[in-house]
Amino acid sequence: MADVKLMIAGRPYDVHCADGEEAQLLQLAAVVDEKARGIQGGTEVRQLLFAALMLADDAQEARGKADKAEPQSDSLRAAVALAESREAAARDELRAAVTREQAALKELEALRSAPAAASAKPAHDRALLQIADRIEALATKVEQIS
């Protein structure tokens, strides 16, 4: 247990607190002292009473603001959840697009290699035409001989 000497409204107060909480207690006492010094006239008890009432009013106002902020927090959480689900959907669409692109690239590569085979085909066609011409020529000679 620690002992702390506080000065509030010009009067010393000896207070006990848990070890390590001295700095917090001094900060709180400074807030009470500031409120009490702001009240002019009256006895010390009256100054402390009004200081306590003002601090209670501040606390109640802060609770009200926190209560009003809570629904906004819920709305923000919902907006974040919606944004995260949209991000996930966009990520899935992107993956699907990448997959389609990879398939298209493979198909393009296959088509690029296919013209080499297609260019060989006309050469085969020419050879077949030449063979057909020779056969016709031979057939004509055979007919002439017969």
C-alpha atoms as a PDB file:
ATOM      1  CA  MET A   1       0.000   0.000   0.000  1.00  0.00           C
ATOM      2  CA  ALA A   2       1.320   3.427  -0.939  1.00  0.00           C
ATOM      3  CA  ASP A   3       0.679   6.749   0.759  1.00  0.00           C
ATOM      4  CA  VAL A   4       0.090   9.812  -1.428  1.00  0.00           C
ATOM      5  CA  LYS A   5      -0.278  13.429  -0.330  1.00  0.00           C
ATOM      6  CA  LEU A   6      -2.817  15.300  -2.489  1.00  0.00           C
ATOM      7  CA  MET A   7      -3.512  19.027  -2.605  1.00  0.00           C
ATOM      8  CA  ILE A   8      -7.121  19.819  -3.482  1.00  0.00           C
ATOM      9  CA  ALA A   9      -8.548  23.344  -3.204  1.00  0.00           C
ATOM     10  CA  GLY A  10      -5.486  24.403  -1.249  1.00  0.00           C
ATOM     11  CA  ARG A  11      -5.806  21.712   1.409  1.00  0.00           C
ATOM     12  CA  PRO A  12      -3.577  18.639   1.836  1.00  0.00           C
ATOM     13  CA  TYR A  13      -5.104  15.146   1.944  1.00  0.00           C
ATOM     14  CA  ASP A  14      -3.272  11.945   2.819  1.00  0.00           C
ATOM     15  CA  VAL A  15      -4.619   9.030   0.773  1.00  0.00           C
ATOM     16  CA  HIS A  16      -3.684   5.350   0.570  1.00  0.00           C
ATOM     17  CA  CYS A  17      -3.650   3.524  -2.755  1.00  0.00           C
ATOM     18  CA  ALA A  18      -2.348   0.297  -4.281  1.00  0.00           C
ATOM     19  CA  ASP A  19       1.329   0.251  -5.192  1.00  0.00           C
ATOM     20  CA  GLY A  20       1.894   1.571  -8.715  1.00  0.00           C
ATOM     21  CA  GLU A  21      -1.310   3.653  -8.793  1.00  0.00           C
ATOM     22  CA  GLU A  22       0.223   6.784  -7.299  1.00  0.00           C
ATOM     23  CA  ALA A  23       0.596   8.627 -10.630  1.00  0.00           C
ATOM     24  CA  GLN A  24      -3.014   7.895 -11.602  1.00  0.00           C
ATOM     25  CA  LEU A  25      -4.260   9.139  -8.229  1.00  0.00           C
ATOM     26  CA  LEU A  26      -2.241  12.346  -8.570  1.00  0.00           C
ATOM     27  CA  GLN A  27      -3.719  12.967 -12.042  1.00  0.00           C
ATOM     28  CA  LEU A  28      -7.267  12.460 -10.736  1.00  0.00           C
ATOM     29  CA  ALA A  29      -6.595  14.777  -7.808  1.00  0.00           C
ATOM     30  CA  ALA A  30      -5.352  17.437 -10.243  1.00  0.00           C
ATOM     31  CA  VAL A  31      -8.681  17.223 -12.133  1.00  0.00           C
ATOM     32  CA  VAL A  32     -10.682  17.566  -8.896  1.00  0.00           C
ATOM     33  CA  ASP A  33      -8.444  20.429  -7.732  1.00  0.00           C
ATOM     34  CA  GLU A  34      -8.952  22.259 -11.047  1.00  0.00           C
ATOM     35  CA  LYS A  35     -12.743  21.938 -10.752  1.00  0.00           C
ATOM     36  CA  ALA A  36     -12.750  22.984  -7.083  1.00  0.00           C
ATOM     37  CA  ARG A  37     -10.542  26.045  -7.722  1.00  0.00           C
ATOM     38  CA  GLY A  38     -12.918  27.101 -10.494  1.00  0.00           C
ATOM     39  CA  ILE A  39     -15.712  27.566  -7.960  1.00  0.00           C
ATOM     40  CA  GLN A  40     -15.564  30.959  -6.267  1.00  0.00           C
ATOM     41  CA  GLY A  41     -16.772  31.627  -2.749  1.00  0.00           C
ATOM     42  CA  GLY A  42     -18.268  29.246  -0.262  1.00  0.00           C
ATOM     43  CA  THR A  43     -16.643  26.848   2.082  1.00  0.00           C
ATOM     44  CA  GLU A  44     -14.165  24.167   1.191  1.00  0.00           C
ATOM     45  CA  VAL A  45     -16.896  21.544   1.529  1.00  0.00           C
ATOM     46  CA  ARG A  46     -19.136  23.499  -0.858  1.00  0.00           C
ATOM     47  CA  GLN A  47     -16.290  23.803  -3.386  1.00  0.00           C
ATOM     48  CA  LEU A  48     -15.671  20.044  -3.234  1.00  0.00           C
ATOM     49  CA  LEU A  49     -19.426  19.321  -3.506  1.00  0.00           C
ATOM     50  CA  PHE A  50     -19.758  21.427  -6.668  1.00  0.00           C
ATOM     51  CA  ALA A  51     -16.543  19.986  -8.072  1.00  0.00           C
ATOM     52  CA  ALA A  52     -17.939  16.477  -7.523  1.00  0.00           C
ATOM     53  CA  LEU A  53     -21.247  17.470  -9.184  1.00  0.00           C
ATOM     54  CA  MET A  54     -19.443  18.938 -12.209  1.00  0.00           C
ATOM     55  CA  LEU A  55     -17.283  15.839 -12.557  1.00  0.00           C
ATOM     56  CA  ALA A  56     -20.374  13.620 -12.314  1.00  0.00           C
ATOM     57  CA  ASP A  57     -22.000  15.748 -15.045  1.00  0.00           C
ATOM     58  CA  ASP A  58     -18.897  15.342 -17.235  1.00  0.00           C
ATOM     59  CA  ALA A  59     -18.969  11.576 -16.686  1.00  0.00           C
ATOM     60  CA  GLN A  60     -22.681  11.360 -17.533  1.00  0.00           C
ATOM     61  CA  GLU A  61     -22.168  13.423 -20.696  1.00  0.00           C
ATOM     62  CA  ALA A  62     -19.279  11.172 -21.714  1.00  0.00           C
ATOM     63  CA  ARG A  63     -21.467   8.066 -21.199  1.00  0.00           C
ATOM     64  CA  GLY A  64     -24.172   9.651 -23.365  1.00  0.00           C
ATOM     65  CA  LYS A  65     -21.681  10.313 -26.148  1.00  0.00           C
ATOM     66  CA  ALA A  66     -20.387   6.765 -25.884  1.00  0.00           C
ATOM     67  CA  ASP A  67     -23.949   5.396 -26.097  1.00  0.00           C
ATOM     68  CA  LYS A  68     -24.622   7.511 -29.193  1.00  0.00           C
ATOM     69  CA  ALA A  69     -21.367   6.373 -30.749  1.00  0.00           C
ATOM     70  CA  GLU A  70     -22.155   2.682 -30.212  1.00  0.00           C
ATOM     71  CA  PRO A  71     -24.780   2.444 -33.009  1.00  0.00           C
ATOM     72  CA  GLN A  72     -22.338   4.236 -35.306  1.00  0.00           C
ATOM     73  CA  SER A  73     -19.752   1.644 -34.352  1.00  0.00           C
ATOM     74  CA  ASP A  74     -22.209  -1.100 -35.302  1.00  0.00           C
ATOM     75  CA  SER A  75     -22.828   0.618 -38.648  1.00  0.00           C
ATOM     76  CA  LEU A  76     -19.090   0.907 -39.216  1.00  0.00           C
ATOM     77  CA  ARG A  77     -18.606  -2.778 -38.359  1.00  0.00           C
ATOM     78  CA  ALA A  78     -21.351  -3.699 -40.841  1.00  0.00           C
ATOM     79  CA  ALA A  79     -19.760  -1.488 -43.504  1.00  0.00           C
ATOM     80  CA  VAL A  80     -16.368  -3.094 -42.881  1.00  0.00           C
ATOM     81  CA  ALA A  81     -17.910  -6.583 -43.118  1.00  0.00           C
ATOM     82  CA  LEU A  82     -19.608  -5.642 -46.409  1.00  0.00           C
ATOM     83  CA  ALA A  83     -16.361  -4.199 -47.766  1.00  0.00           C
ATOM     84  CA  GLU A  84     -14.485  -7.350 -46.763  1.00  0.00           C
ATOM     85  CA  SER A  85     -17.059  -9.597 -48.481  1.00  0.00           C
ATOM     86  CA  ARG A  86     -16.877  -7.451 -51.626  1.00  0.00           C
ATOM     87  CA  GLU A  87     -13.098  -7.635 -51.493  1.00  0.00           C
ATOM     88  CA  ALA A  88     -13.283 -11.430 -51.237  1.00  0.00           C
ATOM     89  CA  ALA A  89     -15.698 -11.576 -54.205  1.00  0.00           C
ATOM     90  CA  ALA A  90     -13.420  -9.293 -56.231  1.00  0.00           C
ATOM     91  CA  ARG A  91     -10.431 -11.462 -55.320  1.00  0.00           C
ATOM     92  CA  ASP A  92     -12.336 -14.571 -56.506  1.00  0.00           C
ATOM     93  CA  GLU A  93     -13.281 -12.825 -59.767  1.00  0.00           C
ATOM     94  CA  LEU A  94      -9.661 -11.815 -60.243  1.00  0.00           C
ATOM     95  CA  ARG A  95      -8.488 -15.405 -59.726  1.00  0.00           C
ATOM     96  CA  ALA A  96     -11.072 -16.618 -62.257  1.00  0.00           C
ATOM     97  CA  ALA A  97      -9.932 -13.961 -64.743  1.00  0.00           C
ATOM     98  CA  VAL A  98      -6.304 -15.000 -64.256  1.00  0.00           C
ATOM     99  CA  THR A  99      -7.281 -18.629 -64.859  1.00  0.00           C
ATOM    100  CA  ARG A 100      -9.171 -17.665 -68.049  1.00  0.00           C
ATOM    101  CA  GLU A 101      -6.192 -15.598 -69.184  1.00  0.00           C
ATOM    102  CA  GLN A 102      -3.809 -18.501 -68.625  1.00  0.00           C
ATOM    103  CA  ALA A 103      -6.099 -20.793 -70.610  1.00  0.00           C
ATOM    104  CA  ALA A 104      -6.297 -18.229 -73.421  1.00  0.00           C
ATOM    105  CA  LEU A 105      -2.496 -17.917 -73.442  1.00  0.00           C
ATOM    106  CA  LYS A 106      -2.133 -21.706 -73.701  1.00  0.00           C
ATOM    107  CA  GLU A 107      -4.632 -21.765 -76.564  1.00  0.00           C
ATOM    108  CA  LEU A 108      -2.753 -18.944 -78.286  1.00  0.00           C
ATOM    109  CA  GLU A 109       0.513 -20.838 -77.931  1.00  0.00           C
ATOM    110  CA  ALA A 110      -1.153 -23.911 -79.411  1.00  0.00           C
ATOM    111  CA  LEU A 111      -2.429 -21.845 -82.340  1.00  0.00           C
ATOM    112  CA  ARG A 112       0.995 -20.322 -82.868  1.00  0.00           C
ATOM    113  CA  SER A 113       2.556 -23.752 -83.096  1.00  0.00           C
ATOM    114  CA  ALA A 114      -0.294 -25.022 -85.332  1.00  0.00           C
ATOM    115  CA  PRO A 115       0.597 -22.786 -88.334  1.00  0.00           C
ATOM    116  CA  ALA A 116       3.843 -24.702 -88.661  1.00  0.00           C
ATOM    117  CA  ALA A 117       1.807 -27.867 -89.185  1.00  0.00           C
ATOM    118  CA  ALA A 118      -0.613 -25.983 -91.439  1.00  0.00           C
ATOM    119  CA  SER A 119       2.250 -24.664 -93.547  1.00  0.00           C
ATOM    120  CA  ALA A 120       3.384 -28.258 -94.040  1.00  0.00           C
ATOM    121  CA  LYS A 121      -0.075 -29.180 -95.322  1.00  0.00           C
ATOM    122  CA  PRO A 122       0.104 -26.988 -98.468  1.00  0.00           C
ATOM    123  CA  ALA A 123       3.446 -28.622 -99.287  1.00  0.00           C
ATOM    124  CA  HIS A 124       1.777 -32.025 -99.000  1.00  0.00           C
ATOM    125  CA  ASP A 125      -1.083 -30.780-101.178  1.00  0.00           C
ATOM    126  CA  ARG A 126       1.368 -29.647-103.848  1.00  0.00           C
ATOM    127  CA  ALA A 127       3.115 -33.002-103.780  1.00  0.00           C
ATOM    128  CA  LEU A 128      -0.222 -34.785-104.080  1.00  0.00           C
ATOM    129  CA  LEU A 129      -1.189 -32.544-107.018  1.00  0.00           C
ATOM    130  CA  GLN A 130       2.109 -33.334-108.738  1.00  0.00           C
ATOM    131  CA  ILE A 131       1.548 -37.051-108.204  1.00  0.00           C
ATOM    132  CA  ALA A 132      -1.988 -36.718-109.528  1.00  0.00           C
ATOM    133  CA  ASP A 133      -0.674 -34.911-112.622  1.00  0.00           C
ATOM    134  CA  ARG A 134       1.863 -37.698-113.251  1.00  0.00           C
ATOM    135  CA  ILE A 135      -0.810 -40.348-112.851  1.00  0.00           C
ATOM    136  CA  GLU A 136      -3.014 -38.555-115.367  1.00  0.00           C
ATOM    137  CA  ALA A 137      -0.108 -38.234-117.754  1.00  0.00           C
ATOM    138  CA  LEU A 138       0.658 -41.947-117.395  1.00  0.00           C
ATOM    139  CA  ALA A 139      -2.996 -42.788-117.868  1.00  0.00           C
ATOM    140  CA  THR A 140      -3.024 -40.767-121.085  1.00  0.00           C
ATOM    141  CA  LYS A 141       0.075 -42.600-122.369  1.00  0.00           C
ATOM    142  CA  VAL A 142      -1.464 -45.942-121.459  1.00  0.00           C
ATOM    143  CA  GLU A 143      -4.596 -45.022-123.382  1.00  0.00           C
ATOM    144  CA  GLN A 144      -2.518 -44.005-126.399  1.00  0.00           C
ATOM    145  CA  ILE A 145      -0.607 -47.292-126.350  1.00  0.00           C
ATOM    146  CA  SER A 146      -3.716 -49.342-126.057  1.00  0.00           C
END
